[in-house]
Amino acid sequence: QVHLVESGGGLVQPGGSLRLSCAVSGLTLSEYILGWHRQRPGKDRELIASLSKSGKSPFYRDSVQGRFTISRDDESKTVYLQMNNLKSEDTAVYYCKATSMDVYWGQGTQVTVAS
């Protein structure tokens, strides 16, 4: 059975940093496209970063380019999202997703950026 469990969210001041983790079980990371999505209040869920099966050429949404970094650790089966220089508009529920023939989502973790 496949499980994706996010952690690391919380309250942070503008300009601060957080690292989100997505612990994956039941699948092999290198066989899936891994992504982080977020859903801001009143908005649709959006893709913000993704990593190909090879782990090369990550994709970033323009609004997070240069501030967020996606990575994965195949040994610990964890996907990370390092978020720096956070802004109030980054406030959202963040979800990790694994895509191949099937699609799996985590339950989400809340990130609130406020002073």
N, C-alpha and C. Protein backbone atom coordinates (compact mmCIF):
# COMPACT_ATOMS: atom_id res chain seq x y z
N GLN A 1 0.85 -1.19 0.00
CA GLN A 1 0.00 0.00 0.00
C GLN A 1 0.89 1.25 0.00
N VAL A 2 0.47 2.24 -0.78
CA VAL A 2 1.26 3.46 -0.92
C VAL A 2 0.78 4.52 0.06
N HIS A 3 1.75 5.16 0.71
CA HIS A 3 1.44 6.26 1.61
C HIS A 3 2.43 7.40 1.37
N LEU A 4 1.91 8.62 1.35
CA LEU A 4 2.72 9.82 1.30
C LEU A 4 2.31 10.66 2.51
N VAL A 5 3.27 11.00 3.36
CA VAL A 5 2.97 11.74 4.57
C VAL A 5 3.86 12.97 4.65
N GLU A 6 3.23 14.15 4.55
CA GLU A 6 3.96 15.41 4.63
C GLU A 6 4.15 15.84 6.08
N SER A 7 5.22 16.57 6.31
CA SER A 7 5.48 17.17 7.62
C SER A 7 6.35 18.40 7.42
N GLY A 8 6.49 19.18 8.48
CA GLY A 8 7.38 20.34 8.43
C GLY A 8 6.69 21.68 8.27
N GLY A 9 5.39 21.67 8.11
CA GLY A 9 4.68 22.93 8.00
C GLY A 9 4.60 23.64 9.33
N GLY A 10 4.08 24.86 9.29
CA GLY A 10 3.94 25.62 10.52
C GLY A 10 3.81 27.10 10.24
N LEU A 11 3.98 27.88 11.29
CA LEU A 11 3.91 29.34 11.20
C LEU A 11 5.32 29.90 11.12
N VAL A 12 5.55 30.77 10.16
CA VAL A 12 6.87 31.38 9.99
C VAL A 12 6.68 32.85 9.60
N GLN A 13 7.63 33.67 9.99
CA GLN A 13 7.56 35.08 9.64
C GLN A 13 8.00 35.30 8.20
N PRO A 14 7.53 36.38 7.59
CA PRO A 14 8.01 36.70 6.23
C PRO A 14 9.53 36.79 6.20
N GLY A 15 10.13 36.22 5.16
CA GLY A 15 11.58 36.17 5.05
C GLY A 15 12.19 34.93 5.66
N GLY A 16 11.40 34.18 6.38
CA GLY A 16 11.90 32.97 7.02
C GLY A 16 11.96 31.77 6.10
N SER A 17 12.34 30.64 6.67
CA SER A 17 12.51 29.40 5.89
C SER A 17 11.81 28.24 6.58
N LEU A 18 11.40 27.29 5.77
CA LEU A 18 10.87 26.02 6.25
C LEU A 18 11.34 24.93 5.30
N ARG A 19 11.48 23.72 5.82
CA ARG A 19 11.73 22.57 4.95
C ARG A 19 10.61 21.57 5.15
N LEU A 20 9.88 21.31 4.09
CA LEU A 20 8.83 20.30 4.12
C LEU A 20 9.42 18.95 3.72
N SER A 21 8.90 17.92 4.36
CA SER A 21 9.30 16.55 4.04
C SER A 21 8.07 15.75 3.64
N CYS A 22 8.28 14.82 2.75
CA CYS A 22 7.22 13.89 2.33
C CYS A 22 7.79 12.49 2.43
N ALA A 23 7.38 11.76 3.45
CA ALA A 23 7.83 10.39 3.64
C ALA A 23 6.97 9.46 2.80
N VAL A 24 7.63 8.70 1.96
CA VAL A 24 6.91 7.84 1.01
C VAL A 24 7.14 6.37 1.35
N SER A 25 6.11 5.60 1.27
CA SER A 25 6.23 4.15 1.42
C SER A 25 5.39 3.46 0.36
N GLY A 26 5.82 2.27 -0.02
CA GLY A 26 5.04 1.49 -0.96
C GLY A 26 5.37 1.70 -2.42
N LEU A 27 6.35 2.57 -2.72
CA LEU A 27 6.77 2.74 -4.10
C LEU A 27 8.23 3.15 -4.15
N THR A 28 8.81 3.07 -5.34
CA THR A 28 10.21 3.44 -5.55
C THR A 28 10.26 4.84 -6.15
N LEU A 29 10.93 5.76 -5.47
CA LEU A 29 10.89 7.17 -5.88
C LEU A 29 11.33 7.37 -7.32
N SER A 30 12.35 6.64 -7.76
CA SER A 30 12.90 6.86 -9.09
C SER A 30 11.97 6.39 -10.21
N GLU A 31 10.88 5.78 -9.85
CA GLU A 31 9.91 5.32 -10.86
C GLU A 31 8.74 6.30 -11.00
N TYR A 32 8.81 7.41 -10.27
CA TYR A 32 7.70 8.36 -10.25
C TYR A 32 8.20 9.79 -10.47
N ILE A 33 7.38 10.58 -11.11
CA ILE A 33 7.56 12.03 -11.12
C ILE A 33 7.04 12.52 -9.77
N LEU A 34 7.86 13.27 -9.07
CA LEU A 34 7.52 13.74 -7.72
C LEU A 34 7.26 15.23 -7.76
N GLY A 35 6.22 15.64 -7.12
CA GLY A 35 5.87 17.05 -7.17
C GLY A 35 5.36 17.58 -5.85
N TRP A 36 5.50 18.89 -5.68
CA TRP A 36 4.88 19.60 -4.58
C TRP A 36 3.83 20.55 -5.18
N HIS A 37 2.65 20.50 -4.63
CA HIS A 37 1.55 21.38 -5.01
C HIS A 37 1.13 22.15 -3.77
N ARG A 38 0.40 23.24 -4.01
CA ARG A 38 -0.15 23.95 -2.87
C ARG A 38 -1.54 24.47 -3.23
N GLN A 39 -2.33 24.68 -2.20
CA GLN A 39 -3.64 25.27 -2.39
C GLN A 39 -3.77 26.44 -1.43
N ARG A 40 -3.74 27.62 -2.00
CA ARG A 40 -3.89 28.83 -1.21
C ARG A 40 -5.36 29.09 -0.95
N PRO A 41 -5.68 29.84 0.11
CA PRO A 41 -7.08 30.11 0.45
C PRO A 41 -7.86 30.69 -0.73
N GLY A 42 -8.95 30.04 -1.07
CA GLY A 42 -9.80 30.53 -2.15
C GLY A 42 -9.27 30.28 -3.55
N LYS A 43 -8.18 29.53 -3.65
CA LYS A 43 -7.56 29.29 -4.97
C LYS A 43 -7.56 27.80 -5.29
N ASP A 44 -7.35 27.49 -6.57
CA ASP A 44 -7.19 26.11 -6.98
C ASP A 44 -5.83 25.57 -6.57
N ARG A 45 -5.74 24.27 -6.46
CA ARG A 45 -4.45 23.65 -6.19
C ARG A 45 -3.53 23.87 -7.39
N GLU A 46 -2.25 24.19 -7.12
CA GLU A 46 -1.31 24.48 -8.20
C GLU A 46 0.00 23.75 -7.98
N LEU A 47 0.61 23.37 -9.10
CA LEU A 47 1.93 22.75 -9.05
C LEU A 47 2.97 23.84 -8.83
N ILE A 48 3.87 23.63 -7.87
CA ILE A 48 4.91 24.62 -7.64
C ILE A 48 6.31 24.09 -7.93
N ALA A 49 6.51 22.79 -7.82
CA ALA A 49 7.82 22.23 -8.10
C ALA A 49 7.67 20.74 -8.42
N SER A 50 8.52 20.26 -9.32
CA SER A 50 8.47 18.83 -9.62
C SER A 50 9.86 18.33 -10.00
N LEU A 51 10.03 17.04 -9.85
CA LEU A 51 11.31 16.38 -10.11
C LEU A 51 11.04 15.18 -10.98
N SER A 52 11.79 15.06 -12.09
CA SER A 52 11.60 13.94 -13.00
C SER A 52 12.08 12.64 -12.37
N LYS A 53 11.81 11.53 -13.03
CA LYS A 53 12.21 10.22 -12.52
C LYS A 53 13.74 10.14 -12.36
N SER A 54 14.46 10.82 -13.24
CA SER A 54 15.92 10.80 -13.17
C SER A 54 16.45 11.70 -12.07
N GLY A 55 15.60 12.57 -11.56
CA GLY A 55 16.04 13.51 -10.53
C GLY A 55 16.71 14.75 -11.08
N LYS A 56 16.73 14.87 -12.42
CA LYS A 56 17.39 16.02 -13.04
C LYS A 56 16.34 17.02 -13.52
N SER A 57 16.81 18.20 -13.89
CA SER A 57 15.97 19.25 -14.48
C SER A 57 14.69 19.50 -13.71
N PRO A 58 14.79 19.94 -12.48
CA PRO A 58 13.56 20.24 -11.73
C PRO A 58 12.79 21.38 -12.37
N PHE A 59 11.49 21.34 -12.17
CA PHE A 59 10.60 22.41 -12.62
C PHE A 59 10.17 23.22 -11.42
N TYR A 60 10.09 24.56 -11.61
CA TYR A 60 9.57 25.44 -10.57
C TYR A 60 8.58 26.44 -11.18
N ARG A 61 7.53 26.68 -10.44
CA ARG A 61 6.61 27.75 -10.83
C ARG A 61 7.36 29.08 -10.70
N ASP A 62 7.05 30.02 -11.57
CA ASP A 62 7.76 31.30 -11.58
C ASP A 62 7.75 31.97 -10.21
N SER A 63 6.64 31.86 -9.50
CA SER A 63 6.50 32.58 -8.24
C SER A 63 7.41 32.04 -7.14
N VAL A 64 7.95 30.83 -7.32
CA VAL A 64 8.83 30.26 -6.28
C VAL A 64 10.25 30.04 -6.79
N GLN A 65 10.46 30.28 -8.09
CA GLN A 65 11.78 30.09 -8.68
C GLN A 65 12.83 30.90 -7.92
N GLY A 66 13.93 30.26 -7.57
CA GLY A 66 15.00 30.94 -6.85
C GLY A 66 14.82 30.97 -5.35
N ARG A 67 13.64 30.60 -4.86
CA ARG A 67 13.39 30.58 -3.41
C ARG A 67 13.16 29.16 -2.88
N PHE A 68 12.57 28.31 -3.70
CA PHE A 68 12.24 26.94 -3.29
C PHE A 68 13.14 25.95 -4.02
N THR A 69 13.44 24.85 -3.34
CA THR A 69 14.24 23.78 -3.94
C THR A 69 13.61 22.43 -3.62
N ILE A 70 13.37 21.65 -4.67
CA ILE A 70 12.85 20.30 -4.49
C ILE A 70 14.00 19.31 -4.58
N SER A 71 13.96 18.29 -3.74
CA SER A 71 14.99 17.25 -3.78
C SER A 71 14.40 15.95 -3.26
N ARG A 72 15.14 14.89 -3.45
CA ARG A 72 14.67 13.60 -2.94
C ARG A 72 15.86 12.81 -2.42
N ASP A 73 15.59 11.94 -1.46
CA ASP A 73 16.57 11.02 -0.91
C ASP A 73 16.02 9.62 -1.14
N ASP A 74 16.60 8.93 -2.10
CA ASP A 74 16.08 7.60 -2.45
C ASP A 74 16.24 6.60 -1.31
N GLU A 75 17.31 6.77 -0.53
CA GLU A 75 17.56 5.79 0.54
C GLU A 75 16.49 5.91 1.63
N SER A 76 16.18 7.13 2.04
CA SER A 76 15.18 7.31 3.09
C SER A 76 13.76 7.42 2.52
N LYS A 77 13.65 7.44 1.18
CA LYS A 77 12.36 7.54 0.51
C LYS A 77 11.61 8.78 0.98
N THR A 78 12.31 9.89 0.90
CA THR A 78 11.75 11.17 1.33
C THR A 78 11.94 12.21 0.24
N VAL A 79 10.91 13.00 0.03
CA VAL A 79 10.95 14.12 -0.90
C VAL A 79 10.92 15.40 -0.06
N TYR A 80 11.77 16.34 -0.42
CA TYR A 80 11.88 17.57 0.36
C TYR A 80 11.49 18.79 -0.47
N LEU A 81 11.04 19.82 0.22
CA LEU A 81 10.85 21.13 -0.39
C LEU A 81 11.45 22.15 0.56
N GLN A 82 12.61 22.67 0.21
CA GLN A 82 13.23 23.73 0.99
C GLN A 82 12.65 25.06 0.53
N MET A 83 12.10 25.80 1.45
CA MET A 83 11.45 27.07 1.13
C MET A 83 12.16 28.19 1.87
N ASN A 84 12.74 29.10 1.12
CA ASN A 84 13.45 30.25 1.69
C ASN A 84 12.77 31.55 1.31
N ASN A 85 13.08 32.59 2.06
CA ASN A 85 12.52 33.92 1.79
C ASN A 85 11.00 33.85 1.60
N LEU A 86 10.34 33.24 2.55
CA LEU A 86 8.90 33.03 2.44
C LEU A 86 8.15 34.35 2.49
N LYS A 87 7.05 34.38 1.74
CA LYS A 87 6.21 35.56 1.64
C LYS A 87 4.80 35.21 2.10
N SER A 88 4.02 36.23 2.42
CA SER A 88 2.66 35.98 2.90
C SER A 88 1.84 35.21 1.86
N GLU A 89 2.14 35.46 0.59
CA GLU A 89 1.39 34.77 -0.46
C GLU A 89 1.77 33.30 -0.61
N ASP A 90 2.76 32.85 0.14
CA ASP A 90 3.10 31.42 0.15
C ASP A 90 2.23 30.65 1.14
N THR A 91 1.40 31.36 1.91
CA THR A 91 0.50 30.70 2.84
C THR A 91 -0.44 29.77 2.09
N ALA A 92 -0.43 28.49 2.47
CA ALA A 92 -1.20 27.49 1.73
C ALA A 92 -1.09 26.15 2.43
N VAL A 93 -1.90 25.21 1.99
CA VAL A 93 -1.69 23.81 2.34
C VAL A 93 -0.82 23.21 1.24
N TYR A 94 0.26 22.58 1.64
CA TYR A 94 1.22 22.01 0.69
C TYR A 94 1.06 20.49 0.64
N TYR A 95 1.02 19.97 -0.59
CA TYR A 95 0.80 18.55 -0.82
C TYR A 95 1.94 17.98 -1.65
N CYS A 96 2.36 16.77 -1.35
CA CYS A 96 3.26 16.08 -2.25
C CYS A 96 2.47 15.09 -3.08
N LYS A 97 3.01 14.80 -4.26
CA LYS A 97 2.32 13.95 -5.23
C LYS A 97 3.33 13.08 -5.95
N ALA A 98 2.95 11.85 -6.18
CA ALA A 98 3.78 10.91 -6.95
C ALA A 98 2.97 10.46 -8.15
N THR A 99 3.55 10.61 -9.34
CA THR A 99 2.82 10.31 -10.58
C THR A 99 3.60 9.34 -11.44
N SER A 100 2.92 8.27 -11.86
CA SER A 100 3.43 7.38 -12.88
C SER A 100 2.19 6.85 -13.60
N MET A 101 2.02 5.57 -13.67
CA MET A 101 0.75 5.04 -14.19
C MET A 101 -0.37 5.38 -13.22
N ASP A 102 -0.03 5.47 -11.93
CA ASP A 102 -0.99 5.85 -10.89
C ASP A 102 -0.58 7.19 -10.31
N VAL A 103 -1.50 7.79 -9.59
CA VAL A 103 -1.24 9.07 -8.95
C VAL A 103 -1.55 8.94 -7.46
N TYR A 104 -0.61 9.39 -6.64
CA TYR A 104 -0.79 9.33 -5.19
C TYR A 104 -0.54 10.72 -4.60
N TRP A 105 -1.37 11.06 -3.62
CA TRP A 105 -1.27 12.35 -2.93
C TRP A 105 -1.07 12.12 -1.44
N GLY A 106 -0.38 13.06 -0.82
CA GLY A 106 -0.34 13.10 0.62
C GLY A 106 -1.55 13.86 1.15
N GLN A 107 -1.62 13.97 2.47
CA GLN A 107 -2.79 14.60 3.10
C GLN A 107 -2.63 16.11 3.25
N GLY A 108 -1.41 16.60 3.05
CA GLY A 108 -1.16 18.03 3.11
C GLY A 108 -0.62 18.50 4.45
N THR A 109 0.12 19.60 4.40
CA THR A 109 0.62 20.23 5.62
C THR A 109 0.46 21.75 5.47
N GLN A 110 0.00 22.39 6.51
CA GLN A 110 -0.31 23.83 6.46
C GLN A 110 0.96 24.65 6.66
N VAL A 111 1.15 25.62 5.79
CA VAL A 111 2.22 26.61 5.94
C VAL A 111 1.57 27.98 6.03
N THR A 112 1.88 28.69 7.10
CA THR A 112 1.33 30.04 7.29
C THR A 112 2.50 31.00 7.44
N VAL A 113 2.52 32.01 6.58
CA VAL A 113 3.57 33.03 6.62
C VAL A 113 2.92 34.32 7.08
N ALA A 114 3.27 34.73 8.29
CA ALA A 114 2.65 35.92 8.87
C ALA A 114 3.53 36.47 9.97
N SER A 115 3.41 37.77 10.18
CA SER A 115 4.16 38.38 11.27
C SER A 115 3.26 38.53 12.48
